[in-house]
PDB file of N, CA and C in Angstrom:
ATOM      1  N   MET A   1       0.849  -1.180   0.000  1.00  0.00           N
ATOM      2  CA  MET A   1       0.000   0.000   0.000  1.00  0.00           C
ATOM      3  C   MET A   1       0.896   1.246   0.000  1.00  0.00           C
ATOM      4  N   VAL A   2       0.543   2.224  -0.779  1.00  0.00           N
ATOM      5  CA  VAL A   2       1.319   3.454  -0.900  1.00  0.00           C
ATOM      6  C   VAL A   2       1.398   4.191   0.436  1.00  0.00           C
ATOM      7  N   PHE A   3       0.286   4.237   1.168  1.00  0.00           N
ATOM      8  CA  PHE A   3       0.298   4.930   2.464  1.00  0.00           C
ATOM      9  C   PHE A   3       1.288   4.299   3.426  1.00  0.00           C
ATOM     10  N   ASP A   4       1.383   2.989   3.395  1.00  0.00           N
ATOM     11  CA  ASP A   4       2.318   2.284   4.268  1.00  0.00           C
ATOM     12  C   ASP A   4       3.752   2.685   3.923  1.00  0.00           C
ATOM     13  N   TYR A   5       4.075   2.709   2.639  1.00  0.00           N
ATOM     14  CA  TYR A   5       5.420   3.083   2.199  1.00  0.00           C
ATOM     15  C   TYR A   5       5.747   4.528   2.595  1.00  0.00           C
ATOM     16  N   ILE A   6       4.823   5.433   2.348  1.00  0.00           N
ATOM     17  CA  ILE A   6       5.050   6.839   2.694  1.00  0.00           C
ATOM     18  C   ILE A   6       5.216   6.994   4.199  1.00  0.00           C
ATOM     19  N   GLY A   7       4.353   6.349   4.972  1.00  0.00           N
ATOM     20  CA  GLY A   7       4.428   6.444   6.419  1.00  0.00           C
ATOM     21  C   GLY A   7       5.744   5.949   6.985  1.00  0.00           C
ATOM     22  N   LYS A   8       6.321   4.957   6.341  1.00  0.00           N
ATOM     23  CA  LYS A   8       7.575   4.381   6.829  1.00  0.00           C
ATOM     24  C   LYS A   8       8.822   5.070   6.281  1.00  0.00           C
ATOM     25  N   ASN A   9       8.705   5.757   5.142  1.00  0.00           N
ATOM     26  CA  ASN A   9       9.911   6.219   4.452  1.00  0.00           C
ATOM     27  C   ASN A   9       9.983   7.698   4.092  1.00  0.00           C
ATOM     28  N   LEU A  10       8.938   8.464   4.297  1.00  0.00           N
ATOM     29  CA  LEU A  10       8.940   9.853   3.830  1.00  0.00           C
ATOM     30  C   LEU A  10      10.096  10.669   4.403  1.00  0.00           C
ATOM     31  N   ASP A  11      10.481  10.393   5.626  1.00  0.00           N
ATOM     32  CA  ASP A  11      11.563  11.153   6.240  1.00  0.00           C
ATOM     33  C   ASP A  11      12.946  10.728   5.734  1.00  0.00           C
ATOM     34  N   LYS A  12      13.008   9.667   4.898  1.00  0.00           N
ATOM     35  CA  LYS A  12      14.294   9.153   4.422  1.00  0.00           C
ATOM     36  C   LYS A  12      14.466   9.245   2.910  1.00  0.00           C
ATOM     37  N   ILE A  13      13.389   9.466   2.174  1.00  0.00           N
ATOM     38  CA  ILE A  13      13.449   9.385   0.720  1.00  0.00           C
ATOM     39  C   ILE A  13      13.426  10.768   0.067  1.00  0.00           C
ATOM     40  N   CYS A  14      13.837  10.788  -1.184  1.00  0.00           N
ATOM     41  CA  CYS A  14      13.782  12.005  -2.000  1.00  0.00           C
ATOM     42  C   CYS A  14      12.916  11.700  -3.210  1.00  0.00           C
ATOM     43  N   ILE A  15      11.793  12.401  -3.318  1.00  0.00           N
ATOM     44  CA  ILE A  15      10.886  12.219  -4.453  1.00  0.00           C
ATOM     45  C   ILE A  15      11.024  13.432  -5.365  1.00  0.00           C
ATOM     46  N   ARG A  16      11.328  13.157  -6.626  1.00  0.00           N
ATOM     47  CA  ARG A  16      11.501  14.227  -7.615  1.00  0.00           C
ATOM     48  C   ARG A  16      10.316  14.251  -8.573  1.00  0.00           C
ATOM     49  N   SER A  17      10.046  15.422  -9.083  1.00  0.00           N
ATOM     50  CA  SER A  17       8.954  15.592 -10.041  1.00  0.00           C
ATOM     51  C   SER A  17       9.279  14.879 -11.349  1.00  0.00           C
ATOM     52  N   VAL A  18       8.271  14.300 -11.969  1.00  0.00           N
ATOM     53  CA  VAL A  18       8.453  13.624 -13.252  1.00  0.00           C
ATOM     54  C   VAL A  18       8.771  14.653 -14.337  1.00  0.00           C
ATOM     55  N   GLU A  19       8.130  15.807 -14.260  1.00  0.00           N
ATOM     56  CA  GLU A  19       8.297  16.831 -15.293  1.00  0.00           C
ATOM     57  C   GLU A  19       9.651  17.522 -15.223  1.00  0.00           C
ATOM     58  N   ASN A  20      10.195  17.671 -13.992  1.00  0.00           N
ATOM     59  CA  ASN A  20      11.446  18.403 -13.805  1.00  0.00           C
ATOM     60  C   ASN A  20      12.208  17.761 -12.655  1.00  0.00           C
ATOM     61  N   SER A  21      13.263  17.063 -12.957  1.00  0.00           N
ATOM     62  CA  SER A  21      14.002  16.326 -11.929  1.00  0.00           C
ATOM     63  C   SER A  21      14.695  17.243 -10.921  1.00  0.00           C
ATOM     64  N   ASN A  22      14.782  18.534 -11.223  1.00  0.00           N
ATOM     65  CA  ASN A  22      15.347  19.483 -10.264  1.00  0.00           C
ATOM     66  C   ASN A  22      14.334  19.889  -9.195  1.00  0.00           C
ATOM     67  N   ASN A  23      13.070  19.564  -9.424  1.00  0.00           N
ATOM     68  CA  ASN A  23      12.002  19.890  -8.488  1.00  0.00           C
ATOM     69  C   ASN A  23      11.840  18.737  -7.500  1.00  0.00           C
ATOM     70  N   ILE A  24      12.283  18.944  -6.263  1.00  0.00           N
ATOM     71  CA  ILE A  24      12.216  17.904  -5.244  1.00  0.00           C
ATOM     72  C   ILE A  24      10.924  18.070  -4.453  1.00  0.00           C
ATOM     73  N   LEU A  25      10.031  17.103  -4.598  1.00  0.00           N
ATOM     74  CA  LEU A  25       8.709  17.175  -3.979  1.00  0.00           C
ATOM     75  C   LEU A  25       8.760  16.969  -2.471  1.00  0.00           C
ATOM     76  N   THR A  26       9.788  16.296  -1.989  1.00  0.00           N
ATOM     77  CA  THR A  26       9.893  16.022  -0.553  1.00  0.00           C
ATOM     78  C   THR A  26      10.688  17.091   0.185  1.00  0.00           C
ATOM     79  N   LYS A  27      10.969  18.186  -0.479  1.00  0.00           N
ATOM     80  CA  LYS A  27      11.685  19.293   0.167  1.00  0.00           C
ATOM     81  C   LYS A  27      10.658  20.190   0.871  1.00  0.00           C
ATOM     82  N   ILE A  28      10.152  19.673   1.990  1.00  0.00           N
ATOM     83  CA  ILE A  28       9.150  20.392   2.776  1.00  0.00           C
ATOM     84  C   ILE A  28       9.592  20.386   4.233  1.00  0.00           C
ATOM     85  N   ALA A  29       8.966  21.205   5.028  1.00  0.00           N
ATOM     86  CA  ALA A  29       9.325  21.319   6.443  1.00  0.00           C
ATOM     87  C   ALA A  29       9.147  19.982   7.162  1.00  0.00           C
ATOM     88  N   GLU A  30      10.021  19.728   8.119  1.00  0.00           N
ATOM     89  CA  GLU A  30       9.946  18.480   8.892  1.00  0.00           C
ATOM     90  C   GLU A  30       8.595  18.351   9.602  1.00  0.00           C
ATOM     91  N   SER A  31       8.045  19.472  10.049  1.00  0.00           N
ATOM     92  CA  SER A  31       6.747  19.412  10.724  1.00  0.00           C
ATOM     93  C   SER A  31       5.654  18.958   9.759  1.00  0.00           C
ATOM     94  N   ASP A  32       5.725  19.395   8.502  1.00  0.00           N
ATOM     95  CA  ASP A  32       4.759  18.953   7.497  1.00  0.00           C
ATOM     96  C   ASP A  32       4.942  17.474   7.173  1.00  0.00           C
ATOM     97  N   LYS A  33       6.208  17.039   7.087  1.00  0.00           N
ATOM     98  CA  LYS A  33       6.471  15.619   6.856  1.00  0.00           C
ATOM     99  C   LYS A  33       5.895  14.780   7.987  1.00  0.00           C
ATOM    100  N   SER A  34       6.037  15.266   9.200  1.00  0.00           N
ATOM    101  CA  SER A  34       5.532  14.545  10.359  1.00  0.00           C
ATOM    102  C   SER A  34       4.017  14.386  10.288  1.00  0.00           C
ATOM    103  N   VAL A  35       3.328  15.437   9.878  1.00  0.00           N
ATOM    104  CA  VAL A  35       1.862  15.380   9.738  1.00  0.00           C
ATOM    105  C   VAL A  35       1.479  14.351   8.678  1.00  0.00           C
ATOM    106  N   ILE A  36       2.179  14.352   7.556  1.00  0.00           N
ATOM    107  CA  ILE A  36       1.890  13.406   6.475  1.00  0.00           C
ATOM    108  C   ILE A  36       2.160  11.973   6.931  1.00  0.00           C
ATOM    109  N   ILE A  37       3.300  11.760   7.591  1.00  0.00           N
ATOM    110  CA  ILE A  37       3.662  10.430   8.086  1.00  0.00           C
ATOM    111  C   ILE A  37       2.606   9.916   9.060  1.00  0.00           C
ATOM    112  N   ASN A  38       2.234  10.751  10.013  1.00  0.00           N
ATOM    113  CA  ASN A  38       1.237  10.335  11.009  1.00  0.00           C
ATOM    114  C   ASN A  38      -0.118  10.041  10.368  1.00  0.00           C
ATOM    115  N   SER A  39      -0.508  10.839   9.388  1.00  0.00           N
ATOM    116  CA  SER A  39      -1.776  10.616   8.689  1.00  0.00           C
ATOM    117  C   SER A  39      -1.758   9.305   7.905  1.00  0.00           C
ATOM    118  N   CYS A  40      -0.648   9.031   7.257  1.00  0.00           N
ATOM    119  CA  CYS A  40      -0.532   7.779   6.502  1.00  0.00           C
ATOM    120  C   CYS A  40      -0.570   6.576   7.432  1.00  0.00           C
ATOM    121  N   LYS A  41       0.152   6.668   8.539  1.00  0.00           N
ATOM    122  CA  LYS A  41       0.154   5.562   9.498  1.00  0.00           C
ATOM    123  C   LYS A  41      -1.241   5.345  10.079  1.00  0.00           C
ATOM    124  N   ALA A  42      -1.963   6.417  10.358  1.00  0.00           N
ATOM    125  CA  ALA A  42      -3.320   6.298  10.889  1.00  0.00           C
ATOM    126  C   ALA A  42      -4.249   5.663   9.860  1.00  0.00           C
ATOM    127  N   ALA A  43      -4.091   6.033   8.585  1.00  0.00           N
ATOM    128  CA  ALA A  43      -4.928   5.450   7.532  1.00  0.00           C
ATOM    129  C   ALA A  43      -4.665   3.952   7.406  1.00  0.00           C
ATOM    130  N   VAL A  44      -3.403   3.557   7.502  1.00  0.00           N
ATOM    131  CA  VAL A  44      -3.065   2.130   7.417  1.00  0.00           C
ATOM    132  C   VAL A  44      -3.624   1.378   8.625  1.00  0.00           C
ATOM    133  N   GLU A  45      -3.512   1.960   9.803  1.00  0.00           N
ATOM    134  CA  GLU A  45      -4.055   1.322  11.009  1.00  0.00           C
ATOM    135  C   GLU A  45      -5.570   1.157  10.907  1.00  0.00           C
ATOM    136  N   ASP A  46      -6.253   2.203  10.430  1.00  0.00           N
ATOM    137  CA  ASP A  46      -7.710   2.124  10.254  1.00  0.00           C
ATOM    138  C   ASP A  46      -8.063   1.045   9.244  1.00  0.00           C
ATOM    139  N   TYR A  47      -7.318   0.982   8.166  1.00  0.00           N
ATOM    140  CA  TYR A  47      -7.570  -0.024   7.133  1.00  0.00           C
ATOM    141  C   TYR A  47      -7.355  -1.436   7.680  1.00  0.00           C
ATOM    142  N   ASN A  48      -6.268  -1.620   8.419  1.00  0.00           N
ATOM    143  CA  ASN A  48      -5.993  -2.947   8.972  1.00  0.00           C
ATOM    144  C   ASN A  48      -7.032  -3.355  10.009  1.00  0.00           C
ATOM    145  N   TYR A  49      -7.596  -2.383  10.711  1.00  0.00           N
ATOM    146  CA  TYR A  49      -8.627  -2.673  11.699  1.00  0.00           C
ATOM    147  C   TYR A  49      -9.926  -3.111  11.022  1.00  0.00           C
ATOM    148  N   ASN A  50     -10.304  -2.395   9.969  1.00  0.00           N
ATOM    149  CA  ASN A  50     -11.540  -2.705   9.248  1.00  0.00           C
ATOM    150  C   ASN A  50     -11.297  -2.426   7.767  1.00  0.00           C
ATOM    151  N   ARG A  51     -10.967  -3.452   7.020  1.00  0.00           N
ATOM    152  CA  ARG A  51     -10.577  -3.299   5.614  1.00  0.00           C
ATOM    153  C   ARG A  51     -11.676  -2.723   4.731  1.00  0.00           C
ATOM    154  N   LYS A  52     -12.899  -2.780   5.174  1.00  0.00           N
ATOM    155  CA  LYS A  52     -13.995  -2.220   4.390  1.00  0.00           C
ATOM    156  C   LYS A  52     -14.137  -0.714   4.596  1.00  0.00           C
ATOM    157  N   SER A  53     -13.340  -0.142   5.510  1.00  0.00           N
ATOM    158  CA  SER A  53     -13.505   1.270   5.860  1.00  0.00           C
ATOM    159  C   SER A  53     -12.550   2.193   5.126  1.00  0.00           C
ATOM    160  N   ILE A  54     -11.858   1.727   4.087  1.00  0.00           N
ATOM    161  CA  ILE A  54     -10.853   2.558   3.431  1.00  0.00           C
ATOM    162  C   ILE A  54     -11.449   3.825   2.826  1.00  0.00           C
ATOM    163  N   ILE A  55     -12.650   3.758   2.296  1.00  0.00           N
ATOM    164  CA  ILE A  55     -13.283   4.953   1.726  1.00  0.00           C
ATOM    165  C   ILE A  55     -13.565   5.973   2.823  1.00  0.00           C
ATOM    166  N   ASP A  56     -14.069   5.516   3.962  1.00  0.00           N
ATOM    167  CA  ASP A  56     -14.318   6.425   5.093  1.00  0.00           C
ATOM    168  C   ASP A  56     -13.010   7.010   5.615  1.00  0.00           C
ATOM    169  N   THR A  57     -11.966   6.194   5.646  1.00  0.00           N
ATOM    170  CA  THR A  57     -10.667   6.651   6.144  1.00  0.00           C
ATOM    171  C   THR A  57     -10.098   7.728   5.242  1.00  0.00           C
ATOM    172  N   LEU A  58     -10.184   7.557   3.926  1.00  0.00           N
ATOM    173  CA  LEU A  58      -9.650   8.530   2.988  1.00  0.00           C
ATOM    174  C   LEU A  58     -10.474   9.810   2.947  1.00  0.00           C
ATOM    175  N   ALA A  59     -11.730   9.727   3.289  1.00  0.00           N
ATOM    176  CA  ALA A  59     -12.602  10.901   3.248  1.00  0.00           C
ATOM    177  C   ALA A  59     -12.272  11.902   4.365  1.00  0.00           C
ATOM    178  N   ARG A  60     -11.585  11.451   5.402  1.00  0.00           N
ATOM    179  CA  ARG A  60     -11.254  12.348   6.527  1.00  0.00           C
ATOM    180  C   ARG A  60     -10.224  13.353   6.178  1.00  0.00           C
TER     181      ARG A  60
END
């Protein structure tokens, strides 16, 4: 799952734009990365708890 990968690796990886390799998409504040990581981990936990709830989880 993409959310699982992002939650585990966003603070370690460098994602570049497809259109322009000089544009680094992961060059954001650590506090913003933390929010994204925590949100991804929460979405994965919700999904693992109730696999039918992925639509509700993503809607939040």
